[in-house]
Amino acid sequence: MPVHSASEGEVLTILLTDPKILDAPTIEQIYRDIVAILERTEQPKVLLDFKPVKFMSSSALGMLIRVNKKCQEFKVNLKLCNIEPDIKQVFKITGLDKLFTIYKTAEEAHAAFAKRF
């Protein structure tokens, strides 16, 4: 399974476990797994953790946009963390750094979720 999930309070963390997210079947499986988790959870906050991920194709970016739309449908607050500098640069070039809220570590993301505005 290319993703694992764990709950901590109101936050559901989804860990992407594959170091290389490159081919279409893997990307589609990750999307299906994430959507299945979102359909089962009642938690209003989801953290997508990229810690093991070292490489991602541009198709994987498209999948993340689809995940973001699903989160909006489910009224889930989505944050991302632990993105490699090279991958983060692609997020900046494509403008996805403005679509997603990205944190350096899971701890920083959890702290941001905990803040009340």
PDB file of N, CA and C in Angstrom:
ATOM      1  N   MET A   1       0.846  -1.190   0.000  1.00  0.00           N
ATOM      2  CA  MET A   1       0.000   0.000   0.000  1.00  0.00           C
ATOM      3  C   MET A   1       0.886   1.245   0.000  1.00  0.00           C
ATOM      4  N   PRO A   2       0.676   2.152  -0.935  1.00  0.00           N
ATOM      5  CA  PRO A   2       1.570   3.310  -1.051  1.00  0.00           C
ATOM      6  C   PRO A   2       1.319   4.425  -0.038  1.00  0.00           C
ATOM      7  N   VAL A   3       0.301   4.272   0.816  1.00  0.00           N
ATOM      8  CA  VAL A   3       0.051   5.265   1.857  1.00  0.00           C
ATOM      9  C   VAL A   3      -0.300   4.568   3.171  1.00  0.00           C
ATOM     10  N   HIS A   4       0.030   5.233   4.261  1.00  0.00           N
ATOM     11  CA  HIS A   4      -0.374   4.798   5.596  1.00  0.00           C
ATOM     12  C   HIS A   4      -1.039   5.984   6.263  1.00  0.00           C
ATOM     13  N   SER A   5      -2.002   5.713   7.131  1.00  0.00           N
ATOM     14  CA  SER A   5      -2.644   6.825   7.842  1.00  0.00           C
ATOM     15  C   SER A   5      -2.653   6.550   9.329  1.00  0.00           C
ATOM     16  N   ALA A   6      -2.631   7.639  10.091  1.00  0.00           N
ATOM     17  CA  ALA A   6      -2.681   7.565  11.541  1.00  0.00           C
ATOM     18  C   ALA A   6      -3.386   8.800  12.068  1.00  0.00           C
ATOM     19  N   SER A   7      -4.199   8.594  13.093  1.00  0.00           N
ATOM     20  CA  SER A   7      -4.942   9.706  13.685  1.00  0.00           C
ATOM     21  C   SER A   7      -4.272  10.196  14.948  1.00  0.00           C
ATOM     22  N   GLU A   8      -4.333  11.513  15.121  1.00  0.00           N
ATOM     23  CA  GLU A   8      -3.847  12.124  16.356  1.00  0.00           C
ATOM     24  C   GLU A   8      -4.764  13.300  16.649  1.00  0.00           C
ATOM     25  N   GLY A   9      -5.728  13.085  17.534  1.00  0.00           N
ATOM     26  CA  GLY A   9      -6.699  14.122  17.845  1.00  0.00           C
ATOM     27  C   GLY A   9      -7.562  14.414  16.632  1.00  0.00           C
ATOM     28  N   GLU A  10      -7.634  15.690  16.256  1.00  0.00           N
ATOM     29  CA  GLU A  10      -8.433  16.103  15.095  1.00  0.00           C
ATOM     30  C   GLU A  10      -7.670  15.965  13.784  1.00  0.00           C
ATOM     31  N   VAL A  11      -6.401  15.563  13.863  1.00  0.00           N
ATOM     32  CA  VAL A  11      -5.558  15.514  12.667  1.00  0.00           C
ATOM     33  C   VAL A  11      -5.352  14.071  12.212  1.00  0.00           C
ATOM     34  N   LEU A  12      -5.619  13.850  10.937  1.00  0.00           N
ATOM     35  CA  LEU A  12      -5.332  12.572  10.297  1.00  0.00           C
ATOM     36  C   LEU A  12      -4.097  12.771   9.440  1.00  0.00           C
ATOM     37  N   THR A  13      -3.048  12.012   9.720  1.00  0.00           N
ATOM     38  CA  THR A  13      -1.828  12.099   8.925  1.00  0.00           C
ATOM     39  C   THR A  13      -1.819  10.969   7.913  1.00  0.00           C
ATOM     40  N   ILE A  14      -1.605  11.331   6.657  1.00  0.00           N
ATOM     41  CA  ILE A  14      -1.476  10.348   5.585  1.00  0.00           C
ATOM     42  C   ILE A  14      -0.030  10.418   5.101  1.00  0.00           C
ATOM     43  N   LEU A  15       0.694   9.323   5.303  1.00  0.00           N
ATOM     44  CA  LEU A  15       2.103   9.254   4.918  1.00  0.00           C
ATOM     45  C   LEU A  15       2.215   8.587   3.558  1.00  0.00           C
ATOM     46  N   LEU A  16       2.831   9.286   2.605  1.00  0.00           N
ATOM     47  CA  LEU A  16       3.129   8.694   1.305  1.00  0.00           C
ATOM     48  C   LEU A  16       4.388   7.859   1.483  1.00  0.00           C
ATOM     49  N   THR A  17       4.323   6.562   1.228  1.00  0.00           N
ATOM     50  CA  THR A  17       5.425   5.661   1.580  1.00  0.00           C
ATOM     51  C   THR A  17       6.378   5.351   0.437  1.00  0.00           C
ATOM     52  N   ASP A  18       6.005   5.674  -0.776  1.00  0.00           N
ATOM     53  CA  ASP A  18       6.824   5.344  -1.943  1.00  0.00           C
ATOM     54  C   ASP A  18       7.848   6.443  -2.192  1.00  0.00           C
ATOM     55  N   PRO A  19       9.161   6.107  -2.218  1.00  0.00           N
ATOM     56  CA  PRO A  19      10.165   7.153  -2.447  1.00  0.00           C
ATOM     57  C   PRO A  19      10.117   7.762  -3.846  1.00  0.00           C
ATOM     58  N   LYS A  20       9.572   7.016  -4.811  1.00  0.00           N
ATOM     59  CA  LYS A  20       9.476   7.523  -6.186  1.00  0.00           C
ATOM     60  C   LYS A  20       8.035   7.393  -6.657  1.00  0.00           C
ATOM     61  N   ILE A  21       7.393   8.537  -6.863  1.00  0.00           N
ATOM     62  CA  ILE A  21       6.017   8.554  -7.352  1.00  0.00           C
ATOM     63  C   ILE A  21       6.096   9.016  -8.805  1.00  0.00           C
ATOM     64  N   LEU A  22       6.232   8.029  -9.696  1.00  0.00           N
ATOM     65  CA  LEU A  22       6.526   8.365 -11.085  1.00  0.00           C
ATOM     66  C   LEU A  22       5.503   7.851 -12.088  1.00  0.00           C
ATOM     67  N   ASP A  23       5.098   6.584 -11.968  1.00  0.00           N
ATOM     68  CA  ASP A  23       4.276   5.987 -13.023  1.00  0.00           C
ATOM     69  C   ASP A  23       2.784   6.142 -12.736  1.00  0.00           C
ATOM     70  N   ALA A  24       2.017   6.144 -13.816  1.00  0.00           N
ATOM     71  CA  ALA A  24       0.574   6.382 -13.729  1.00  0.00           C
ATOM     72  C   ALA A  24      -0.156   5.388 -12.812  1.00  0.00           C
ATOM     73  N   PRO A  25       0.142   4.081 -12.868  1.00  0.00           N
ATOM     74  CA  PRO A  25      -0.576   3.159 -11.972  1.00  0.00           C
ATOM     75  C   PRO A  25      -0.325   3.464 -10.488  1.00  0.00           C
ATOM     76  N   THR A  26       0.906   3.805 -10.134  1.00  0.00           N
ATOM     77  CA  THR A  26       1.225   4.148  -8.740  1.00  0.00           C
ATOM     78  C   THR A  26       0.503   5.424  -8.326  1.00  0.00           C
ATOM     79  N   ILE A  27       0.526   6.415  -9.186  1.00  0.00           N
ATOM     80  CA  ILE A  27      -0.127   7.691  -8.885  1.00  0.00           C
ATOM     81  C   ILE A  27      -1.628   7.490  -8.693  1.00  0.00           C
ATOM     82  N   GLU A  28      -2.235   6.702  -9.562  1.00  0.00           N
ATOM     83  CA  GLU A  28      -3.681   6.457  -9.457  1.00  0.00           C
ATOM     84  C   GLU A  28      -4.010   5.667  -8.192  1.00  0.00           C
ATOM     85  N   GLN A  29      -3.142   4.716  -7.826  1.00  0.00           N
ATOM     86  CA  GLN A  29      -3.360   3.938  -6.602  1.00  0.00           C
ATOM     87  C   GLN A  29      -3.269   4.840  -5.370  1.00  0.00           C
ATOM     88  N   ILE A  30      -2.298   5.731  -5.362  1.00  0.00           N
ATOM     89  CA  ILE A  30      -2.169   6.673  -4.244  1.00  0.00           C
ATOM     90  C   ILE A  30      -3.431   7.522  -4.139  1.00  0.00           C
ATOM     91  N   TYR A  31      -3.901   8.028  -5.264  1.00  0.00           N
ATOM     92  CA  TYR A  31      -5.118   8.841  -5.262  1.00  0.00           C
ATOM     93  C   TYR A  31      -6.304   8.052  -4.704  1.00  0.00           C
ATOM     94  N   ARG A  32      -6.500   6.840  -5.196  1.00  0.00           N
ATOM     95  CA  ARG A  32      -7.622   6.010  -4.723  1.00  0.00           C
ATOM     96  C   ARG A  32      -7.505   5.729  -3.226  1.00  0.00           C
ATOM     97  N   ASP A  33      -6.282   5.438  -2.761  1.00  0.00           N
ATOM     98  CA  ASP A  33      -6.078   5.159  -1.338  1.00  0.00           C
ATOM     99  C   ASP A  33      -6.389   6.389  -0.483  1.00  0.00           C
ATOM    100  N   ILE A  34      -5.937   7.557  -0.921  1.00  0.00           N
ATOM    101  CA  ILE A  34      -6.189   8.785  -0.164  1.00  0.00           C
ATOM    102  C   ILE A  34      -7.682   9.089  -0.131  1.00  0.00           C
ATOM    103  N   VAL A  35      -8.360   8.968  -1.265  1.00  0.00           N
ATOM    104  CA  VAL A  35      -9.802   9.234  -1.308  1.00  0.00           C
ATOM    105  C   VAL A  35     -10.550   8.244  -0.408  1.00  0.00           C
ATOM    106  N   ALA A  36     -10.145   6.983  -0.419  1.00  0.00           N
ATOM    107  CA  ALA A  36     -10.790   5.992   0.443  1.00  0.00           C
ATOM    108  C   ALA A  36     -10.627   6.365   1.918  1.00  0.00           C
ATOM    109  N   ILE A  37      -9.451   6.849   2.277  1.00  0.00           N
ATOM    110  CA  ILE A  37      -9.207   7.281   3.666  1.00  0.00           C
ATOM    111  C   ILE A  37     -10.079   8.495   3.985  1.00  0.00           C
ATOM    112  N   LEU A  38     -10.135   9.453   3.060  1.00  0.00           N
ATOM    113  CA  LEU A  38     -10.948  10.656   3.279  1.00  0.00           C
ATOM    114  C   LEU A  38     -12.428  10.294   3.445  1.00  0.00           C
ATOM    115  N   GLU A  39     -12.893   9.314   2.699  1.00  0.00           N
ATOM    116  CA  GLU A  39     -14.302   8.910   2.787  1.00  0.00           C
ATOM    117  C   GLU A  39     -14.630   8.277   4.133  1.00  0.00           C
ATOM    118  N   ARG A  40     -13.621   7.673   4.767  1.00  0.00           N
ATOM    119  CA  ARG A  40     -13.852   6.992   6.053  1.00  0.00           C
ATOM    120  C   ARG A  40     -13.639   7.892   7.272  1.00  0.00           C
ATOM    121  N   THR A  41     -12.884   8.961   7.112  1.00  0.00           N
ATOM    122  CA  THR A  41     -12.525   9.758   8.280  1.00  0.00           C
ATOM    123  C   THR A  41     -13.574  10.808   8.605  1.00  0.00           C
ATOM    124  N   GLU A  42     -13.606  11.159   9.875  1.00  0.00           N
ATOM    125  CA  GLU A  42     -14.464  12.270  10.297  1.00  0.00           C
ATOM    126  C   GLU A  42     -13.609  13.434  10.784  1.00  0.00           C
ATOM    127  N   GLN A  43     -12.304  13.267  10.666  1.00  0.00           N
ATOM    128  CA  GLN A  43     -11.401  14.308  11.136  1.00  0.00           C
ATOM    129  C   GLN A  43     -11.380  15.482  10.155  1.00  0.00           C
ATOM    130  N   PRO A  44     -11.443  16.698  10.692  1.00  0.00           N
ATOM    131  CA  PRO A  44     -11.526  17.881   9.831  1.00  0.00           C
ATOM    132  C   PRO A  44     -10.172  18.371   9.318  1.00  0.00           C
ATOM    133  N   LYS A  45      -9.095  17.743   9.776  1.00  0.00           N
ATOM    134  CA  LYS A  45      -7.755  18.207   9.402  1.00  0.00           C
ATOM    135  C   LYS A  45      -6.942  17.019   8.898  1.00  0.00           C
ATOM    136  N   VAL A  46      -6.332  17.205   7.732  1.00  0.00           N
ATOM    137  CA  VAL A  46      -5.528  16.139   7.133  1.00  0.00           C
ATOM    138  C   VAL A  46      -4.148  16.689   6.788  1.00  0.00           C
ATOM    139  N   LEU A  47      -3.140  15.924   7.185  1.00  0.00           N
ATOM    140  CA  LEU A  47      -1.757  16.267   6.895  1.00  0.00           C
ATOM    141  C   LEU A  47      -1.206  15.217   5.938  1.00  0.00           C
ATOM    142  N   LEU A  48      -0.761  15.661   4.776  1.00  0.00           N
ATOM    143  CA  LEU A  48      -0.146  14.773   3.802  1.00  0.00           C
ATOM    144  C   LEU A  48       1.360  14.875   3.990  1.00  0.00           C
ATOM    145  N   ASP A  49       1.964  13.778   4.466  1.00  0.00           N
ATOM    146  CA  ASP A  49       3.379  13.759   4.833  1.00  0.00           C
ATOM    147  C   ASP A  49       4.195  13.100   3.710  1.00  0.00           C
ATOM    148  N   PHE A  50       5.144  13.846   3.164  1.00  0.00           N
ATOM    149  CA  PHE A  50       5.959  13.391   2.044  1.00  0.00           C
ATOM    150  C   PHE A  50       7.335  12.897   2.482  1.00  0.00           C
ATOM    151  N   LYS A  51       7.540  12.629   3.756  1.00  0.00           N
ATOM    152  CA  LYS A  51       8.875  12.336   4.274  1.00  0.00           C
ATOM    153  C   LYS A  51       9.665  11.317   3.439  1.00  0.00           C
ATOM    154  N   PRO A  52       9.106  10.144   3.082  1.00  0.00           N
ATOM    155  CA  PRO A  52       9.906   9.189   2.302  1.00  0.00           C
ATOM    156  C   PRO A  52      10.087   9.558   0.824  1.00  0.00           C
ATOM    157  N   VAL A  53       9.305  10.515   0.325  1.00  0.00           N
ATOM    158  CA  VAL A  53       9.277  10.802  -1.120  1.00  0.00           C
ATOM    159  C   VAL A  53      10.514  11.606  -1.542  1.00  0.00           C
ATOM    160  N   LYS A  54      11.238  11.051  -2.508  1.00  0.00           N
ATOM    161  CA  LYS A  54      12.439  11.713  -3.033  1.00  0.00           C
ATOM    162  C   LYS A  54      12.231  12.244  -4.449  1.00  0.00           C
ATOM    163  N   PHE A  55      11.332  11.597  -5.216  1.00  0.00           N
ATOM    164  CA  PHE A  55      11.062  12.007  -6.593  1.00  0.00           C
ATOM    165  C   PHE A  55       9.568  11.924  -6.863  1.00  0.00           C
ATOM    166  N   MET A  56       9.062  12.878  -7.661  1.00  0.00           N
ATOM    167  CA  MET A  56       7.656  12.879  -8.067  1.00  0.00           C
ATOM    168  C   MET A  56       7.584  13.351  -9.515  1.00  0.00           C
ATOM    169  N   SER A  57       6.717  12.718 -10.287  1.00  0.00           N
ATOM    170  CA  SER A  57       6.517  13.163 -11.666  1.00  0.00           C
ATOM    171  C   SER A  57       5.524  14.321 -11.686  1.00  0.00           C
ATOM    172  N   SER A  58       5.437  14.984 -12.825  1.00  0.00           N
ATOM    173  CA  SER A  58       4.462  16.070 -12.956  1.00  0.00           C
ATOM    174  C   SER A  58       3.038  15.531 -12.858  1.00  0.00           C
ATOM    175  N   SER A  59       2.830  14.282 -13.262  1.00  0.00           N
ATOM    176  CA  SER A  59       1.502  13.667 -13.121  1.00  0.00           C
ATOM    177  C   SER A  59       1.100  13.549 -11.652  1.00  0.00           C
ATOM    178  N   ALA A  60       2.082  13.355 -10.786  1.00  0.00           N
ATOM    179  CA  ALA A  60       1.803  13.280  -9.350  1.00  0.00           C
ATOM    180  C   ALA A  60       1.291  14.629  -8.846  1.00  0.00           C
ATOM    181  N   LEU A  61       1.773  15.719  -9.419  1.00  0.00           N
ATOM    182  CA  LEU A  61       1.288  17.045  -9.042  1.00  0.00           C
ATOM    183  C   LEU A  61      -0.189  17.186  -9.393  1.00  0.00           C
ATOM    184  N   GLY A  62      -0.562  16.690 -10.555  1.00  0.00           N
ATOM    185  CA  GLY A  62      -1.964  16.713 -10.955  1.00  0.00           C
ATOM    186  C   GLY A  62      -2.828  15.916  -9.991  1.00  0.00           C
ATOM    187  N   MET A  63      -2.308  14.787  -9.535  1.00  0.00           N
ATOM    188  CA  MET A  63      -3.022  13.970  -8.558  1.00  0.00           C
ATOM    189  C   MET A  63      -3.232  14.750  -7.258  1.00  0.00           C
ATOM    190  N   LEU A  64      -2.237  15.520  -6.849  1.00  0.00           N
ATOM    191  CA  LEU A  64      -2.360  16.311  -5.621  1.00  0.00           C
ATOM    192  C   LEU A  64      -3.445  17.383  -5.760  1.00  0.00           C
ATOM    193  N   ILE A  65      -3.568  17.947  -6.947  1.00  0.00           N
ATOM    194  CA  ILE A  65      -4.637  18.925  -7.186  1.00  0.00           C
ATOM    195  C   ILE A  65      -5.994  18.238  -7.039  1.00  0.00           C
ATOM    196  N   ARG A  66      -6.103  17.012  -7.544  1.00  0.00           N
ATOM    197  CA  ARG A  66      -7.349  16.247  -7.401  1.00  0.00           C
ATOM    198  C   ARG A  66      -7.620  15.930  -5.920  1.00  0.00           C
ATOM    199  N   VAL A  67      -6.584  15.594  -5.178  1.00  0.00           N
ATOM    200  CA  VAL A  67      -6.738  15.332  -3.736  1.00  0.00           C
ATOM    201  C   VAL A  67      -7.228  16.594  -3.038  1.00  0.00           C
ATOM    202  N   ASN A  68      -6.662  17.741  -3.400  1.00  0.00           N
ATOM    203  CA  ASN A  68      -7.078  19.009  -2.805  1.00  0.00           C
ATOM    204  C   ASN A  68      -8.560  19.272  -3.062  1.00  0.00           C
ATOM    205  N   LYS A  69      -9.016  19.000  -4.283  1.00  0.00           N
ATOM    206  CA  LYS A  69     -10.435  19.193  -4.602  1.00  0.00           C
ATOM    207  C   LYS A  69     -11.313  18.268  -3.766  1.00  0.00           C
ATOM    208  N   LYS A  70     -10.871  17.015  -3.577  1.00  0.00           N
ATOM    209  CA  LYS A  70     -11.640  16.079  -2.738  1.00  0.00           C
ATOM    210  C   LYS A  70     -11.705  16.592  -1.300  1.00  0.00           C
ATOM    211  N   CYS A  71     -10.603  17.125  -0.810  1.00  0.00           N
ATOM    212  CA  CYS A  71     -10.586  17.670   0.551  1.00  0.00           C
ATOM    213  C   CYS A  71     -11.577  18.824   0.667  1.00  0.00           C
ATOM    214  N   GLN A  72     -11.644  19.666  -0.350  1.00  0.00           N
ATOM    215  CA  GLN A  72     -12.611  20.761  -0.336  1.00  0.00           C
ATOM    216  C   GLN A  72     -14.037  20.209  -0.322  1.00  0.00           C
ATOM    217  N   GLU A  73     -14.295  19.173  -1.116  1.00  0.00           N
ATOM    218  CA  GLU A  73     -15.626  18.553  -1.128  1.00  0.00           C
ATOM    219  C   GLU A  73     -16.002  18.034   0.255  1.00  0.00           C
ATOM    220  N   PHE A  74     -15.030  17.414   0.926  1.00  0.00           N
ATOM    221  CA  PHE A  74     -15.272  16.835   2.247  1.00  0.00           C
ATOM    222  C   PHE A  74     -15.123  17.866   3.372  1.00  0.00           C
ATOM    223  N   LYS A  75     -14.843  19.118   3.005  1.00  0.00           N
ATOM    224  CA  LYS A  75     -14.631  20.202   3.973  1.00  0.00           C
ATOM    225  C   LYS A  75     -13.511  19.853   4.966  1.00  0.00           C
ATOM    226  N   VAL A  76     -12.414  19.379   4.403  1.00  0.00           N
ATOM    227  CA  VAL A  76     -11.241  18.989   5.177  1.00  0.00           C
ATOM    228  C   VAL A  76     -10.148  20.020   4.946  1.00  0.00           C
ATOM    229  N   ASN A  77      -9.503  20.440   6.024  1.00  0.00           N
ATOM    230  CA  ASN A  77      -8.381  21.372   5.957  1.00  0.00           C
ATOM    231  C   ASN A  77      -7.117  20.548   5.673  1.00  0.00           C
ATOM    232  N   LEU A  78      -6.516  20.740   4.498  1.00  0.00           N
ATOM    233  CA  LEU A  78      -5.356  19.962   4.062  1.00  0.00           C
ATOM    234  C   LEU A  78      -4.082  20.778   4.187  1.00  0.00           C
ATOM    235  N   LYS A  79      -3.057  20.145   4.768  1.00  0.00           N
ATOM    236  CA  LYS A  79      -1.724  20.729   4.827  1.00  0.00           C
ATOM    237  C   LYS A  79      -0.731  19.674   4.361  1.00  0.00           C
ATOM    238  N   LEU A  80       0.430  20.112   3.861  1.00  0.00           N
ATOM    239  CA  LEU A  80       1.480  19.216   3.402  1.00  0.00           C
ATOM    240  C   LEU A  80       2.736  19.459   4.219  1.00  0.00           C
ATOM    241  N   CYS A  81       3.573  18.410   4.349  1.00  0.00           N
ATOM    242  CA  CYS A  81       4.836  18.601   5.076  1.00  0.00           C
ATOM    243  C   CYS A  81       5.915  17.654   4.549  1.00  0.00           C
ATOM    244  N   ASN A  82       7.142  17.940   4.972  1.00  0.00           N
ATOM    245  CA  ASN A  82       8.317  17.117   4.673  1.00  0.00           C
ATOM    246  C   ASN A  82       8.556  16.938   3.173  1.00  0.00           C
ATOM    247  N   ILE A  83       8.454  18.028   2.425  1.00  0.00           N
ATOM    248  CA  ILE A  83       8.681  17.959   0.987  1.00  0.00           C
ATOM    249  C   ILE A  83      10.146  18.279   0.694  1.00  0.00           C
ATOM    250  N   GLU A  84      10.787  17.388  -0.054  1.00  0.00           N
ATOM    251  CA  GLU A  84      12.188  17.568  -0.438  1.00  0.00           C
ATOM    252  C   GLU A  84      12.383  18.918  -1.129  1.00  0.00           C
ATOM    253  N   PRO A  85      13.530  19.575  -0.935  1.00  0.00           N
ATOM    254  CA  PRO A  85      13.773  20.878  -1.565  1.00  0.00           C
ATOM    255  C   PRO A  85      13.584  20.878  -3.090  1.00  0.00           C
ATOM    256  N   ASP A  86      14.041  19.823  -3.771  1.00  0.00           N
ATOM    257  CA  ASP A  86      13.890  19.779  -5.234  1.00  0.00           C
ATOM    258  C   ASP A  86      12.418  19.709  -5.630  1.00  0.00           C
ATOM    259  N   ILE A  87      11.638  18.939  -4.889  1.00  0.00           N
ATOM    260  CA  ILE A  87      10.208  18.829  -5.179  1.00  0.00           C
ATOM    261  C   ILE A  87       9.513  20.138  -4.828  1.00  0.00           C
ATOM    262  N   LYS A  88       9.922  20.744  -3.728  1.00  0.00           N
ATOM    263  CA  LYS A  88       9.325  22.018  -3.321  1.00  0.00           C
ATOM    264  C   LYS A  88       9.572  23.092  -4.386  1.00  0.00           C
ATOM    265  N   GLN A  89      10.728  23.038  -5.027  1.00  0.00           N
ATOM    266  CA  GLN A  89      11.045  23.987  -6.096  1.00  0.00           C
ATOM    267  C   GLN A  89      10.043  23.832  -7.249  1.00  0.00           C
ATOM    268  N   VAL A  90       9.672  22.600  -7.566  1.00  0.00           N
ATOM    269  CA  VAL A  90       8.681  22.353  -8.620  1.00  0.00           C
ATOM    270  C   VAL A  90       7.327  22.936  -8.198  1.00  0.00           C
ATOM    271  N   PHE A  91       6.986  22.811  -6.916  1.00  0.00           N
ATOM    272  CA  PHE A  91       5.759  23.416  -6.405  1.00  0.00           C
ATOM    273  C   PHE A  91       5.787  24.924  -6.644  1.00  0.00           C
ATOM    274  N   LYS A  92       6.939  25.556  -6.398  1.00  0.00           N
ATOM    275  CA  LYS A  92       7.064  27.006  -6.591  1.00  0.00           C
ATOM    276  C   LYS A  92       6.944  27.373  -8.067  1.00  0.00           C
ATOM    277  N   ILE A  93       7.634  26.635  -8.926  1.00  0.00           N
ATOM    278  CA  ILE A  93       7.623  26.931 -10.362  1.00  0.00           C
ATOM    279  C   ILE A  93       6.203  26.822 -10.923  1.00  0.00           C
ATOM    280  N   THR A  94       5.460  25.828 -10.462  1.00  0.00           N
ATOM    281  CA  THR A  94       4.109  25.588 -10.981  1.00  0.00           C
ATOM    282  C   THR A  94       3.040  26.408 -10.269  1.00  0.00           C
ATOM    283  N   GLY A  95       3.430  27.099  -9.190  1.00  0.00           N
ATOM    284  CA  GLY A  95       2.466  27.894  -8.438  1.00  0.00           C
ATOM    285  C   GLY A  95       1.675  27.092  -7.422  1.00  0.00           C
ATOM    286  N   LEU A  96       1.986  25.808  -7.290  1.00  0.00           N
ATOM    287  CA  LEU A  96       1.258  24.977  -6.324  1.00  0.00           C
ATOM    288  C   LEU A  96       1.590  25.323  -4.880  1.00  0.00           C
ATOM    289  N   ASP A  97       2.684  26.046  -4.682  1.00  0.00           N
ATOM    290  CA  ASP A  97       3.007  26.486  -3.325  1.00  0.00           C
ATOM    291  C   ASP A  97       1.994  27.510  -2.821  1.00  0.00           C
ATOM    292  N   LYS A  98       1.226  28.090  -3.748  1.00  0.00           N
ATOM    293  CA  LYS A  98       0.171  29.029  -3.342  1.00  0.00           C
ATOM    294  C   LYS A  98      -1.161  28.305  -3.116  1.00  0.00           C
ATOM    295  N   LEU A  99      -1.325  27.147  -3.753  1.00  0.00           N
ATOM    296  CA  LEU A  99      -2.538  26.350  -3.580  1.00  0.00           C
ATOM    297  C   LEU A  99      -2.498  25.568  -2.266  1.00  0.00           C
ATOM    298  N   PHE A 100      -1.328  25.045  -1.940  1.00  0.00           N
ATOM    299  CA  PHE A 100      -1.177  24.209  -0.750  1.00  0.00           C
ATOM    300  C   PHE A 100      -0.465  24.963   0.362  1.00  0.00           C
ATOM    301  N   THR A 101      -0.834  24.649   1.592  1.00  0.00           N
ATOM    302  CA  THR A 101      -0.113  25.150   2.756  1.00  0.00           C
ATOM    303  C   THR A 101       0.930  24.093   3.095  1.00  0.00           C
ATOM    304  N   ILE A 102       2.207  24.474   2.994  1.00  0.00           N
ATOM    305  CA  ILE A 102       3.306  23.520   3.132  1.00  0.00           C
ATOM    306  C   ILE A 102       4.155  23.886   4.342  1.00  0.00           C
ATOM    307  N   TYR A 103       4.457  22.865   5.151  1.00  0.00           N
ATOM    308  CA  TYR A 103       5.302  23.049   6.329  1.00  0.00           C
ATOM    309  C   TYR A 103       6.546  22.187   6.203  1.00  0.00           C
ATOM    310  N   LYS A 104       7.611  22.643   6.829  1.00  0.00           N
ATOM    311  CA  LYS A 104       8.875  21.927   6.768  1.00  0.00           C
ATOM    312  C   LYS A 104       8.773  20.564   7.459  1.00  0.00           C
ATOM    313  N   THR A 105       8.109  20.530   8.617  1.00  0.00           N
ATOM    314  CA  THR A 105       8.011  19.278   9.385  1.00  0.00           C
ATOM    315  C   THR A 105       6.559  18.999   9.776  1.00  0.00           C
ATOM    316  N   ALA A 106       6.319  17.762  10.159  1.00  0.00           N
ATOM    317  CA  ALA A 106       4.988  17.380  10.649  1.00  0.00           C
ATOM    318  C   ALA A 106       4.674  18.139  11.937  1.00  0.00           C
ATOM    319  N   GLU A 107       5.686  18.358  12.767  1.00  0.00           N
ATOM    320  CA  GLU A 107       5.483  19.072  14.028  1.00  0.00           C
ATOM    321  C   GLU A 107       4.995  20.502  13.781  1.00  0.00           C
ATOM    322  N   GLU A 108       5.598  21.178  12.803  1.00  0.00           N
ATOM    323  CA  GLU A 108       5.173  22.537  12.472  1.00  0.00           C
ATOM    324  C   GLU A 108       3.737  22.548  11.951  1.00  0.00           C
ATOM    325  N   ALA A 109       3.393  21.558  11.141  1.00  0.00           N
ATOM    326  CA  ALA A 109       2.032  21.476  10.600  1.00  0.00           C
ATOM    327  C   ALA A 109       1.028  21.220  11.721  1.00  0.00           C
ATOM    328  N   HIS A 110       1.361  20.318  12.646  1.00  0.00           N
ATOM    329  CA  HIS A 110       0.464  20.051  13.775  1.00  0.00           C
ATOM    330  C   HIS A 110       0.275  21.298  14.628  1.00  0.00           C
ATOM    331  N   ALA A 111       1.348  22.056  14.829  1.00  0.00           N
ATOM    332  CA  ALA A 111       1.259  23.292  15.604  1.00  0.00           C
ATOM    333  C   ALA A 111       0.335  24.283  14.892  1.00  0.00           C
ATOM    334  N   ALA A 112       0.430  24.363  13.569  1.00  0.00           N
ATOM    335  CA  ALA A 112      -0.419  25.260  12.796  1.00  0.00           C
ATOM    336  C   ALA A 112      -1.883  24.822  12.874  1.00  0.00           C
ATOM    337  N   PHE A 113      -2.118  23.518  12.837  1.00  0.00           N
ATOM    338  CA  PHE A 113      -3.498  23.017  12.976  1.00  0.00           C
ATOM    339  C   PHE A 113      -4.068  23.376  14.347  1.00  0.00           C
ATOM    340  N   ALA A 114      -3.197  23.372  15.357  1.00  0.00           N
ATOM    341  CA  ALA A 114      -3.648  23.610  16.728  1.00  0.00           C
ATOM    342  C   ALA A 114      -4.006  25.069  16.995  1.00  0.00           C
ATOM    343  N   LYS A 115      -3.454  25.991  16.182  1.00  0.00           N
ATOM    344  CA  LYS A 115      -3.721  27.412  16.385  1.00  0.00           C
ATOM    345  C   LYS A 115      -5.178  27.733  16.110  1.00  0.00           C
ATOM    346  N   ARG A 116      -5.740  28.607  16.909  1.00  0.00           N
ATOM    347  CA  ARG A 116      -7.106  29.067  16.699  1.00  0.00           C
ATOM    348  C   ARG A 116      -7.052  30.475  16.116  1.00  0.00           C
ATOM    349  N   PHE A 117      -7.761  30.704  15.051  1.00  0.00           N
ATOM    350  CA  PHE A 117      -7.763  32.027  14.429  1.00  0.00           C
ATOM    351  C   PHE A 117      -9.057  32.735  14.708  1.00  0.00           C
TER     352      PHE A 117
END
